Amino acid sequence: MDNKKLIQLYLENVEKMFGYANMEAYMDRRLQIWKKYCQKKTKKESIEIFLTLLGENYGKKTIYLGVYLALEENDMRYLHNALSSAVVWGQLTILSGGVDHSLYAWNILPYLFCANRFHDIKSIFPKANGLSKNGLKSACCITNLVMYLYYQEPAWKQYITEEGKSFLQAKRTAEEKMVVQGLLALVEKNWESFSLALNHLCKAHRRVKGFGENAFTRAISFFAFGLYSFARYLYKEEISNVMLPKNEFLFEDFRSYQESNDYRIG
């Protein structure tokens, strides 16, 4: 899919994503909130109030706006900074969900990887918490695989490997399976399996039907790019063994941008 088509899909789906017919109306509402509730507060109070009132899925909205601006202005810096902002916002506001630290596996982790904020893994998945036991099965499995890969705790390896392989045998969505397959491939350093997982993950994401998804959001798999970034972080030069998905704009444009900027954090 070319960039012009993505821009058009964004414009067609703005109201679905933001709840407003255009970005001017959305930004005007943010300004009204600031003036009404935050303007006369201390800096700390105003930040806390504004973050609370930004609304559900604000992080994703920031990222989607970053994608649009990056394409419209031909400058991937917008997406790079939007990803980092979304990760920080998520850590400050997504604090409870009736589960353990697996809460962050789908909400924050893909964007954390894309933003090269690997040090934040210590914040969302503290080693002291141990492996995840309570939450969506795919989220627990993803959390545990990432924790093993990041902390390299030998005592966890057998459990996370068996858990991951068992997950792949169960009835799950294609997207969930491909994320788990990709992480298992990183545990085993199986570059062929990892490359296939990235390719199939991009295809699987284009078929998702979850709440809030539309033609624009389905066009981009941030988890696929995130897994590639995590693999590069873990294995450095060995990343050259990975065959990247074809015709995925993030892999062609955003990867080149990050490489040319030494993978700096936004």
C-alpha atoms as a PDB file:
ATOM      1  CA  MET A   1       0.000   0.000   0.000  1.00  0.00           C
ATOM      2  CA  ASP A   2       1.456   3.384  -0.972  1.00  0.00           C
ATOM      3  CA  ASN A   3       1.601   6.437   1.269  1.00  0.00           C
ATOM      4  CA  LYS A   4      -1.089   8.361  -0.615  1.00  0.00           C
ATOM      5  CA  LYS A   5      -3.538   5.514  -0.064  1.00  0.00           C
ATOM      6  CA  LEU A   6      -2.736   5.462   3.661  1.00  0.00           C
ATOM      7  CA  ILE A   7      -3.316   9.210   3.909  1.00  0.00           C
ATOM      8  CA  GLN A   8      -6.679   8.811   2.205  1.00  0.00           C
ATOM      9  CA  LEU A   9      -7.657   5.965   4.553  1.00  0.00           C
ATOM     10  CA  TYR A  10      -6.734   8.136   7.530  1.00  0.00           C
ATOM     11  CA  LEU A  11      -8.898  11.029   6.326  1.00  0.00           C
ATOM     12  CA  GLU A  12     -11.803   8.674   5.657  1.00  0.00           C
ATOM     13  CA  ASN A  13     -11.629   7.223   9.168  1.00  0.00           C
ATOM     14  CA  VAL A  14     -10.804  10.290  11.297  1.00  0.00           C
ATOM     15  CA  GLU A  15     -14.285  10.452  12.810  1.00  0.00           C
ATOM     16  CA  LYS A  16     -14.201   6.754  13.750  1.00  0.00           C
ATOM     17  CA  MET A  17     -10.856   7.135  15.510  1.00  0.00           C
ATOM     18  CA  PHE A  18     -11.224  10.506  17.188  1.00  0.00           C
ATOM     19  CA  GLY A  19     -14.974  11.030  17.478  1.00  0.00           C
ATOM     20  CA  TYR A  20     -14.745  14.296  15.535  1.00  0.00           C
ATOM     21  CA  ALA A  21     -15.219  15.053  11.862  1.00  0.00           C
ATOM     22  CA  ASN A  22     -11.730  16.538  11.550  1.00  0.00           C
ATOM     23  CA  MET A  23      -8.568  17.151  13.549  1.00  0.00           C
ATOM     24  CA  GLU A  24      -9.315  20.861  14.008  1.00  0.00           C
ATOM     25  CA  ALA A  25     -12.456  20.014  15.992  1.00  0.00           C
ATOM     26  CA  TYR A  26     -10.597  17.416  18.031  1.00  0.00           C
ATOM     27  CA  MET A  27      -7.762  19.813  18.939  1.00  0.00           C
ATOM     28  CA  ASP A  28     -10.252  22.574  19.729  1.00  0.00           C
ATOM     29  CA  ARG A  29     -11.939  20.277  22.240  1.00  0.00           C
ATOM     30  CA  ARG A  30      -8.566  19.550  23.888  1.00  0.00           C
ATOM     31  CA  LEU A  31      -7.983  23.297  24.209  1.00  0.00           C
ATOM     32  CA  GLN A  32     -11.429  23.806  25.771  1.00  0.00           C
ATOM     33  CA  ILE A  33     -10.673  21.109  28.352  1.00  0.00           C
ATOM     34  CA  TRP A  34      -7.366  22.754  29.196  1.00  0.00           C
ATOM     35  CA  LYS A  35      -8.948  26.190  29.658  1.00  0.00           C
ATOM     36  CA  LYS A  36     -11.874  24.886  31.710  1.00  0.00           C
ATOM     37  CA  TYR A  37     -10.121  22.484  34.071  1.00  0.00           C
ATOM     38  CA  CYS A  38      -6.372  23.077  34.009  1.00  0.00           C
ATOM     39  CA  GLN A  39      -5.436  26.659  33.273  1.00  0.00           C
ATOM     40  CA  LYS A  40      -5.518  27.990  36.843  1.00  0.00           C
ATOM     41  CA  LYS A  41      -4.006  24.922  38.517  1.00  0.00           C
ATOM     42  CA  THR A  42      -0.397  24.333  39.469  1.00  0.00           C
ATOM     43  CA  LYS A  43       1.723  22.686  36.799  1.00  0.00           C
ATOM     44  CA  LYS A  44       1.591  19.305  38.545  1.00  0.00           C
ATOM     45  CA  GLU A  45      -2.174  19.516  39.078  1.00  0.00           C
ATOM     46  CA  SER A  46      -2.855  20.618  35.514  1.00  0.00           C
ATOM     47  CA  ILE A  47      -0.799  17.753  34.072  1.00  0.00           C
ATOM     48  CA  GLU A  48      -2.570  15.166  36.221  1.00  0.00           C
ATOM     49  CA  ILE A  49      -6.015  16.516  35.332  1.00  0.00           C
ATOM     50  CA  PHE A  50      -5.274  16.825  31.622  1.00  0.00           C
ATOM     51  CA  LEU A  51      -3.875  13.294  31.382  1.00  0.00           C
ATOM     52  CA  THR A  52      -6.966  11.973  33.123  1.00  0.00           C
ATOM     53  CA  LEU A  53      -9.316  13.810  30.765  1.00  0.00           C
ATOM     54  CA  LEU A  54      -7.562  12.915  27.512  1.00  0.00           C
ATOM     55  CA  GLY A  55      -9.759   9.848  27.189  1.00  0.00           C
ATOM     56  CA  GLU A  56      -9.469   6.162  26.435  1.00  0.00           C
ATOM     57  CA  ASN A  57      -7.066   5.073  23.707  1.00  0.00           C
ATOM     58  CA  TYR A  58      -5.450   8.502  23.576  1.00  0.00           C
ATOM     59  CA  GLY A  59      -2.075   6.814  23.059  1.00  0.00           C
ATOM     60  CA  LYS A  60      -3.252   5.082  19.908  1.00  0.00           C
ATOM     61  CA  LYS A  61      -4.837   8.290  18.658  1.00  0.00           C
ATOM     62  CA  THR A  62      -1.516  10.065  19.111  1.00  0.00           C
ATOM     63  CA  ILE A  63       0.234   7.370  17.118  1.00  0.00           C
ATOM     64  CA  TYR A  64      -2.301   7.463  14.291  1.00  0.00           C
ATOM     65  CA  LEU A  65      -1.941  11.232  14.100  1.00  0.00           C
ATOM     66  CA  GLY A  66       1.829  10.708  14.025  1.00  0.00           C
ATOM     67  CA  VAL A  67       1.471   8.321  11.089  1.00  0.00           C
ATOM     68  CA  TYR A  68      -0.630  10.824   9.172  1.00  0.00           C
ATOM     69  CA  LEU A  69       1.761  13.721   9.797  1.00  0.00           C
ATOM     70  CA  ALA A  70       4.771  11.569   8.946  1.00  0.00           C
ATOM     71  CA  LEU A  71       3.244  10.700   5.592  1.00  0.00           C
ATOM     72  CA  GLU A  72       1.789  14.131   4.876  1.00  0.00           C
ATOM     73  CA  GLU A  73       5.053  15.940   5.728  1.00  0.00           C
ATOM     74  CA  ASN A  74       7.321  13.164   4.501  1.00  0.00           C
ATOM     75  CA  ASP A  75       9.077  13.200   7.874  1.00  0.00           C
ATOM     76  CA  MET A  76       9.137  10.060  10.012  1.00  0.00           C
ATOM     77  CA  ARG A  77      10.131  12.155  13.026  1.00  0.00           C
ATOM     78  CA  TYR A  78       6.431  12.800  13.679  1.00  0.00           C
ATOM     79  CA  LEU A  79       5.693   9.098  14.053  1.00  0.00           C
ATOM     80  CA  HIS A  80       8.889   8.520  16.033  1.00  0.00           C
ATOM     81  CA  ASN A  81       7.931  11.167  18.607  1.00  0.00           C
ATOM     82  CA  ALA A  82       4.266  10.137  18.679  1.00  0.00           C
ATOM     83  CA  LEU A  83       5.217   6.557  19.575  1.00  0.00           C
ATOM     84  CA  SER A  84       7.388   7.700  22.468  1.00  0.00           C
ATOM     85  CA  SER A  85       4.681  10.071  23.741  1.00  0.00           C
ATOM     86  CA  ALA A  86       2.082   7.295  23.621  1.00  0.00           C
ATOM     87  CA  VAL A  87       4.301   4.939  25.627  1.00  0.00           C
ATOM     88  CA  VAL A  88       4.880   7.535  28.341  1.00  0.00           C
ATOM     89  CA  TRP A  89       1.165   8.423  28.469  1.00  0.00           C
ATOM     90  CA  GLY A  90       0.249   4.748  28.728  1.00  0.00           C
ATOM     91  CA  GLN A  91       2.568   4.138  31.654  1.00  0.00           C
ATOM     92  CA  LEU A  92       1.148   7.147  33.493  1.00  0.00           C
ATOM     93  CA  THR A  93      -2.520   6.346  32.950  1.00  0.00           C
ATOM     94  CA  ILE A  94      -3.062   2.622  32.250  1.00  0.00           C
ATOM     95  CA  LEU A  95      -2.635   1.398  35.798  1.00  0.00           C
ATOM     96  CA  SER A  96      -5.379  -1.128  36.531  1.00  0.00           C
ATOM     97  CA  GLY A  97      -7.284  -3.743  34.611  1.00  0.00           C
ATOM     98  CA  GLY A  98      -8.043  -6.578  37.001  1.00  0.00           C
ATOM     99  CA  VAL A  99      -4.964  -8.482  35.815  1.00  0.00           C
ATOM    100  CA  ASP A 100      -1.261  -8.534  36.599  1.00  0.00           C
ATOM    101  CA  HIS A 101       1.505  -6.892  34.559  1.00  0.00           C
ATOM    102  CA  SER A 102       0.260  -8.668  31.417  1.00  0.00           C
ATOM    103  CA  LEU A 103      -2.041  -5.630  31.199  1.00  0.00           C
ATOM    104  CA  TYR A 104       0.620  -3.881  29.121  1.00  0.00           C
ATOM    105  CA  ALA A 105       1.291  -6.633  26.575  1.00  0.00           C
ATOM    106  CA  TRP A 106      -1.133  -5.293  23.966  1.00  0.00           C
ATOM    107  CA  ASN A 107      -1.680  -1.733  25.249  1.00  0.00           C
ATOM    108  CA  ILE A 108       1.897  -0.492  25.434  1.00  0.00           C
ATOM    109  CA  LEU A 109       4.463  -3.138  24.465  1.00  0.00           C
ATOM    110  CA  PRO A 110       4.201  -2.914  20.631  1.00  0.00           C
ATOM    111  CA  TYR A 111       4.716   0.851  20.721  1.00  0.00           C
ATOM    112  CA  LEU A 112       7.471   0.607  23.346  1.00  0.00           C
ATOM    113  CA  PHE A 113       9.377  -1.667  20.965  1.00  0.00           C
ATOM    114  CA  CYS A 114       8.765   0.628  17.989  1.00  0.00           C
ATOM    115  CA  ALA A 115       9.967   3.635  20.008  1.00  0.00           C
ATOM    116  CA  ASN A 116      13.203   1.867  21.059  1.00  0.00           C
ATOM    117  CA  ARG A 117      12.260   2.409  24.713  1.00  0.00           C
ATOM    118  CA  PHE A 118      13.566  -0.990  25.792  1.00  0.00           C
ATOM    119  CA  HIS A 119      14.637   0.307  29.206  1.00  0.00           C
ATOM    120  CA  ASP A 120      10.917   0.815  29.939  1.00  0.00           C
ATOM    121  CA  ILE A 121      10.477  -2.964  30.045  1.00  0.00           C
ATOM    122  CA  LYS A 122      11.772  -2.707  33.608  1.00  0.00           C
ATOM    123  CA  SER A 123       8.866  -0.388  34.389  1.00  0.00           C
ATOM    124  CA  ILE A 124       6.009  -2.361  32.854  1.00  0.00           C
ATOM    125  CA  PHE A 125       7.416  -5.867  33.475  1.00  0.00           C
ATOM    126  CA  PRO A 126       9.554  -5.608  36.658  1.00  0.00           C
ATOM    127  CA  LYS A 127      11.652  -8.712  37.236  1.00  0.00           C
ATOM    128  CA  ALA A 128      10.536  -8.716  40.874  1.00  0.00           C
ATOM    129  CA  ASN A 129       6.964  -9.381  39.719  1.00  0.00           C
ATOM    130  CA  GLY A 130       7.963 -12.729  38.285  1.00  0.00           C
ATOM    131  CA  LEU A 131       6.205 -14.306  35.338  1.00  0.00           C
ATOM    132  CA  SER A 132       2.621 -13.358  34.494  1.00  0.00           C
ATOM    133  CA  LYS A 133      -0.151 -15.674  35.685  1.00  0.00           C
ATOM    134  CA  ASN A 134      -3.310 -13.560  35.570  1.00  0.00           C
ATOM    135  CA  GLY A 135      -4.736 -12.069  32.403  1.00  0.00           C
ATOM    136  CA  LEU A 136      -5.636 -12.722  28.787  1.00  0.00           C
ATOM    137  CA  LYS A 137      -3.814 -15.901  27.779  1.00  0.00           C
ATOM    138  CA  SER A 138      -2.014 -14.300  24.855  1.00  0.00           C
ATOM    139  CA  ALA A 139      -1.010 -11.325  27.025  1.00  0.00           C
ATOM    140  CA  CYS A 140       0.434 -13.581  29.735  1.00  0.00           C
ATOM    141  CA  CYS A 141       2.334 -15.621  27.160  1.00  0.00           C
ATOM    142  CA  ILE A 142       3.717 -12.513  25.428  1.00  0.00           C
ATOM    143  CA  THR A 143       4.688 -10.937  28.750  1.00  0.00           C
ATOM    144  CA  ASN A 144       6.563 -14.035  29.874  1.00  0.00           C
ATOM    145  CA  LEU A 145       8.448 -14.479  26.605  1.00  0.00           C
ATOM    146  CA  VAL A 146       9.507 -10.829  26.623  1.00  0.00           C
ATOM    147  CA  MET A 147      10.582 -11.023  30.271  1.00  0.00           C
ATOM    148  CA  TYR A 148      12.730 -14.066  29.582  1.00  0.00           C
ATOM    149  CA  LEU A 149      14.325 -12.495  26.503  1.00  0.00           C
ATOM    150  CA  TYR A 150      15.022  -9.249  28.346  1.00  0.00           C
ATOM    151  CA  TYR A 151      16.198 -10.565  31.714  1.00  0.00           C
ATOM    152  CA  GLN A 152      17.650 -13.890  30.507  1.00  0.00           C
ATOM    153  CA  GLU A 153      16.604 -15.650  33.714  1.00  0.00           C
ATOM    154  CA  PRO A 154      17.555 -19.341  33.114  1.00  0.00           C
ATOM    155  CA  ALA A 155      14.942 -20.658  35.558  1.00  0.00           C
ATOM    156  CA  TRP A 156      12.164 -19.289  33.343  1.00  0.00           C
ATOM    157  CA  LYS A 157      13.204 -20.813  30.024  1.00  0.00           C
ATOM    158  CA  GLN A 158      11.486 -24.192  30.216  1.00  0.00           C
ATOM    159  CA  TYR A 159       8.222 -22.701  31.462  1.00  0.00           C
ATOM    160  CA  ILE A 160       7.989 -19.924  28.877  1.00  0.00           C
ATOM    161  CA  THR A 161       8.952 -22.289  26.038  1.00  0.00           C
ATOM    162  CA  GLU A 162       6.341 -24.876  26.975  1.00  0.00           C
ATOM    163  CA  GLU A 163       3.738 -22.173  27.555  1.00  0.00           C
ATOM    164  CA  GLY A 164       4.442 -20.638  24.145  1.00  0.00           C
ATOM    165  CA  LYS A 165       4.319 -23.931  22.251  1.00  0.00           C
ATOM    166  CA  SER A 166       1.106 -24.924  24.025  1.00  0.00           C
ATOM    167  CA  PHE A 167      -0.419 -21.578  23.075  1.00  0.00           C
ATOM    168  CA  LEU A 168       0.343 -22.144  19.401  1.00  0.00           C
ATOM    169  CA  GLN A 169      -1.537 -25.461  19.512  1.00  0.00           C
ATOM    170  CA  ALA A 170      -4.674 -23.868  20.961  1.00  0.00           C
ATOM    171  CA  LYS A 171      -7.482 -22.088  19.115  1.00  0.00           C
ATOM    172  CA  ARG A 172      -6.319 -18.457  19.019  1.00  0.00           C
ATOM    173  CA  THR A 173      -6.406 -15.588  16.543  1.00  0.00           C
ATOM    174  CA  ALA A 174      -3.797 -15.543  13.803  1.00  0.00           C
ATOM    175  CA  GLU A 175      -2.423 -12.244  15.117  1.00  0.00           C
ATOM    176  CA  GLU A 176      -1.949 -13.617  18.649  1.00  0.00           C
ATOM    177  CA  LYS A 177      -0.251 -16.739  17.334  1.00  0.00           C
ATOM    178  CA  MET A 178       2.142 -14.849  15.104  1.00  0.00           C
ATOM    179  CA  VAL A 179       3.294 -12.577  17.950  1.00  0.00           C
ATOM    180  CA  VAL A 180       3.950 -15.614  20.148  1.00  0.00           C
ATOM    181  CA  GLN A 181       5.635 -17.487  17.278  1.00  0.00           C
ATOM    182  CA  GLY A 182       7.892 -14.511  16.642  1.00  0.00           C
ATOM    183  CA  LEU A 183       8.942 -14.289  20.288  1.00  0.00           C
ATOM    184  CA  LEU A 184       9.517 -18.051  20.498  1.00  0.00           C
ATOM    185  CA  ALA A 185      11.667 -17.805  17.382  1.00  0.00           C
ATOM    186  CA  LEU A 186      13.766 -15.165  19.164  1.00  0.00           C
ATOM    187  CA  VAL A 187      14.216 -17.493  22.136  1.00  0.00           C
ATOM    188  CA  GLU A 188      15.411 -20.201  19.771  1.00  0.00           C
ATOM    189  CA  LYS A 189      17.232 -17.764  17.446  1.00  0.00           C
ATOM    190  CA  ASN A 190      15.384 -19.300  14.521  1.00  0.00           C
ATOM    191  CA  TRP A 191      15.577 -16.523  11.947  1.00  0.00           C
ATOM    192  CA  GLU A 192      13.538 -18.335   9.307  1.00  0.00           C
ATOM    193  CA  SER A 193      10.646 -18.818  11.727  1.00  0.00           C
ATOM    194  CA  PHE A 194      10.970 -15.224  12.930  1.00  0.00           C
ATOM    195  CA  SER A 195      10.893 -13.855   9.371  1.00  0.00           C
ATOM    196  CA  LEU A 196       7.791 -15.899   8.562  1.00  0.00           C
ATOM    197  CA  ALA A 197       6.109 -14.692  11.757  1.00  0.00           C
ATOM    198  CA  LEU A 198       6.680 -11.038  10.818  1.00  0.00           C
ATOM    199  CA  ASN A 199       5.285 -11.582   7.340  1.00  0.00           C
ATOM    200  CA  HIS A 200       2.215 -13.465   8.552  1.00  0.00           C
ATOM    201  CA  LEU A 201       1.680 -10.993  11.403  1.00  0.00           C
ATOM    202  CA  CYS A 202       1.346  -8.115   8.939  1.00  0.00           C
ATOM    203  CA  LYS A 203      -1.200 -10.123   6.949  1.00  0.00           C
ATOM    204  CA  ALA A 204      -3.080 -11.213  10.078  1.00  0.00           C
ATOM    205  CA  HIS A 205      -3.352  -7.644  11.338  1.00  0.00           C
ATOM    206  CA  ARG A 206      -5.058  -6.604   8.114  1.00  0.00           C
ATOM    207  CA  ARG A 207      -7.865  -9.046   9.008  1.00  0.00           C
ATOM    208  CA  VAL A 208      -8.458  -8.034  12.656  1.00  0.00           C
ATOM    209  CA  LYS A 209     -11.999  -7.059  13.619  1.00  0.00           C
ATOM    210  CA  GLY A 210     -11.506  -5.760  17.146  1.00  0.00           C
ATOM    211  CA  PHE A 211     -13.169  -2.719  18.685  1.00  0.00           C
ATOM    212  CA  GLY A 212     -11.914   0.530  17.190  1.00  0.00           C
ATOM    213  CA  GLU A 213     -10.275  -1.079  14.178  1.00  0.00           C
ATOM    214  CA  ASN A 214     -10.876   0.306  10.694  1.00  0.00           C
ATOM    215  CA  ALA A 215      -9.283   0.208   7.259  1.00  0.00           C
ATOM    216  CA  PHE A 216      -6.547   2.629   8.345  1.00  0.00           C
ATOM    217  CA  THR A 217      -5.613   0.978  11.659  1.00  0.00           C
ATOM    218  CA  ARG A 218      -5.570  -2.455  10.025  1.00  0.00           C
ATOM    219  CA  ALA A 219      -3.066  -1.289   7.421  1.00  0.00           C
ATOM    220  CA  ILE A 220      -0.206  -1.024   9.922  1.00  0.00           C
ATOM    221  CA  SER A 221       1.058  -3.741  12.273  1.00  0.00           C
ATOM    222  CA  PHE A 222       3.023  -1.966  14.982  1.00  0.00           C
ATOM    223  CA  PHE A 223       3.630  -5.281  16.708  1.00  0.00           C
ATOM    224  CA  ALA A 224       5.381  -6.622  13.605  1.00  0.00           C
ATOM    225  CA  PHE A 225       7.728  -3.653  13.406  1.00  0.00           C
ATOM    226  CA  GLY A 226       8.117  -3.741  17.189  1.00  0.00           C
ATOM    227  CA  LEU A 227       9.226  -7.365  17.155  1.00  0.00           C
ATOM    228  CA  TYR A 228      11.788  -6.528  14.495  1.00  0.00           C
ATOM    229  CA  SER A 229      13.104  -3.673  16.660  1.00  0.00           C
ATOM    230  CA  PHE A 230      13.252  -5.932  19.730  1.00  0.00           C
ATOM    231  CA  ALA A 231      15.192  -8.542  17.742  1.00  0.00           C
ATOM    232  CA  ARG A 232      17.675  -5.875  16.642  1.00  0.00           C
ATOM    233  CA  TYR A 233      18.061  -4.729  20.252  1.00  0.00           C
ATOM    234  CA  LEU A 234      18.662  -8.276  21.471  1.00  0.00           C
ATOM    235  CA  TYR A 235      20.897  -9.639  18.735  1.00  0.00           C
ATOM    236  CA  LYS A 236      22.515  -6.590  17.095  1.00  0.00           C
ATOM    237  CA  GLU A 237      24.265  -7.568  13.832  1.00  0.00           C
ATOM    238  CA  GLU A 238      22.444 -10.904  13.604  1.00  0.00           C
ATOM    239  CA  ILE A 239      19.334  -8.967  12.608  1.00  0.00           C
ATOM    240  CA  SER A 240      20.719  -9.135   9.066  1.00  0.00           C
ATOM    241  CA  ASN A 241      19.447 -12.733   9.021  1.00  0.00           C
ATOM    242  CA  VAL A 242      15.855 -11.504   9.081  1.00  0.00           C
ATOM    243  CA  MET A 243      13.892 -11.279   5.839  1.00  0.00           C
ATOM    244  CA  LEU A 244      11.633  -8.256   6.158  1.00  0.00           C
ATOM    245  CA  PRO A 245       7.987  -8.264   5.027  1.00  0.00           C
ATOM    246  CA  LYS A 246       7.470  -6.907   1.527  1.00  0.00           C
ATOM    247  CA  ASN A 247       5.583  -3.703   0.723  1.00  0.00           C
ATOM    248  CA  GLU A 248       5.065  -2.637   4.353  1.00  0.00           C
ATOM    249  CA  PHE A 249       5.726   1.086   4.613  1.00  0.00           C
ATOM    250  CA  LEU A 250       6.983   0.928   8.205  1.00  0.00           C
ATOM    251  CA  PHE A 251       9.643  -1.538   7.274  1.00  0.00           C
ATOM    252  CA  GLU A 252      10.795   0.489   4.322  1.00  0.00           C
ATOM    253  CA  ASP A 253      10.527   4.095   5.522  1.00  0.00           C
ATOM    254  CA  PHE A 254      10.447   4.049   9.306  1.00  0.00           C
ATOM    255  CA  ARG A 255      13.225   1.484   9.667  1.00  0.00           C
ATOM    256  CA  SER A 256      15.484   3.572   7.434  1.00  0.00           C
ATOM    257  CA  TYR A 257      14.653   6.705   9.455  1.00  0.00           C
ATOM    258  CA  GLN A 258      15.514   5.039  12.768  1.00  0.00           C
ATOM    259  CA  GLU A 259      18.709   3.543  11.395  1.00  0.00           C
ATOM    260  CA  SER A 260      19.872   6.908  10.066  1.00  0.00           C
ATOM    261  CA  ASN A 261      19.232   8.448  13.510  1.00  0.00           C
ATOM    262  CA  ASP A 262      21.088   5.761  15.474  1.00  0.00           C
ATOM    263  CA  TYR A 263      17.833   4.413  16.930  1.00  0.00           C
ATOM    264  CA  ARG A 264      17.433   7.376  19.252  1.00  0.00           C
ATOM    265  CA  ILE A 265      14.419   7.555  21.530  1.00  0.00           C
ATOM    266  CA  GLY A 266      11.778  10.094  20.557  1.00  0.00           C
END
